[in-house]
Each structure stands twice: as structure tokens, then as C-alpha cells.
Amino acid sequence: MNGDGRSDMIGLSPTGNWLYQGTGSWSTPFKRREAMGLDLPVNGSQLVF
């Protein structure tokens, strides 16, 4: 997601969209969440991953 070569995770919720950047560490696989701007389609069935 951020181009550093590590797997990242995106969380979608009614209160906001969050980016969890991967660290490459097995003991702490993700950094703290960061708010991100992400436009979602009105119909959730249109999501594509």
C-alpha cells in the first residue's frame, strides 16, 4: 500500500477508514492505525480487492 514492500492492512468502518502499515516483525506485525481517505462505492457489493 505504501510501497515499502511489506504487507499492509486496511480497516473499513462507519467511523473511518484506517491504514495499518506492516512492520516486518512477527511480534508486532503492524504499526498503530492511521486515518486514511478512501472513497467507497455507495453499494458495498462493488468493493474489489
Protein backbone atom coordinates (compact mmCIF):
# COMPACT_ATOMS: atom_id res chain seq x y z
CA MET A 1 0.00 0.00 0.00
CA ASN A 2 2.76 2.45 0.92
CA GLY A 3 5.42 0.97 -1.38
CA ASP A 4 7.85 -0.28 1.29
CA GLY A 5 7.48 -3.95 0.26
CA ARG A 6 5.74 -5.02 3.47
CA SER A 7 2.15 -6.18 3.69
CA ASP A 8 -0.26 -3.53 4.98
CA MET A 9 -3.84 -3.86 6.17
CA ILE A 10 -6.81 -1.56 5.58
CA GLY A 11 -9.71 -1.39 8.02
CA LEU A 12 -13.07 -0.03 6.86
CA SER A 13 -15.71 1.08 9.33
CA PRO A 14 -18.61 3.51 9.57
CA THR A 15 -16.47 5.77 11.76
CA GLY A 16 -13.46 5.93 9.45
CA ASN A 17 -11.01 4.11 7.25
CA TRP A 18 -7.69 3.03 8.71
CA LEU A 19 -4.28 2.05 7.40
CA TYR A 20 -2.15 -0.36 9.44
CA GLN A 21 1.37 -0.36 8.00
CA GLY A 22 3.29 -3.63 8.16
CA THR A 23 6.50 -3.70 10.19
CA GLY A 24 8.05 -6.98 9.07
CA SER A 25 8.24 -8.09 12.72
CA TRP A 26 6.46 -11.25 13.87
CA SER A 27 5.96 -9.87 17.39
CA THR A 28 4.44 -6.55 16.23
CA PRO A 29 3.22 -7.14 12.67
CA PHE A 30 1.51 -3.75 12.24
CA LYS A 31 2.08 -0.16 13.38
CA ARG A 32 -0.67 1.85 15.08
CA ARG A 33 -3.57 2.73 12.84
CA GLU A 34 -3.53 5.87 10.73
CA ALA A 35 -6.63 7.58 9.42
CA MET A 36 -6.79 7.47 5.64
CA GLY A 37 -9.03 8.94 2.99
CA LEU A 38 -10.70 6.24 0.93
CA ASP A 39 -13.75 6.75 -1.23
CA LEU A 40 -16.11 3.82 -1.08
CA PRO A 41 -18.86 3.00 -3.54
CA VAL A 42 -22.40 3.50 -2.28
CA ASN A 43 -23.12 -0.20 -2.79
CA GLY A 44 -20.69 -2.27 -0.68
CA SER A 45 -21.02 -5.20 -3.08
CA GLN A 46 -18.98 -3.19 -5.59
CA LEU A 47 -15.81 -3.47 -3.49
CA VAL A 48 -12.94 -5.12 -5.33
CA PHE A 49 -9.77 -6.40 -3.65
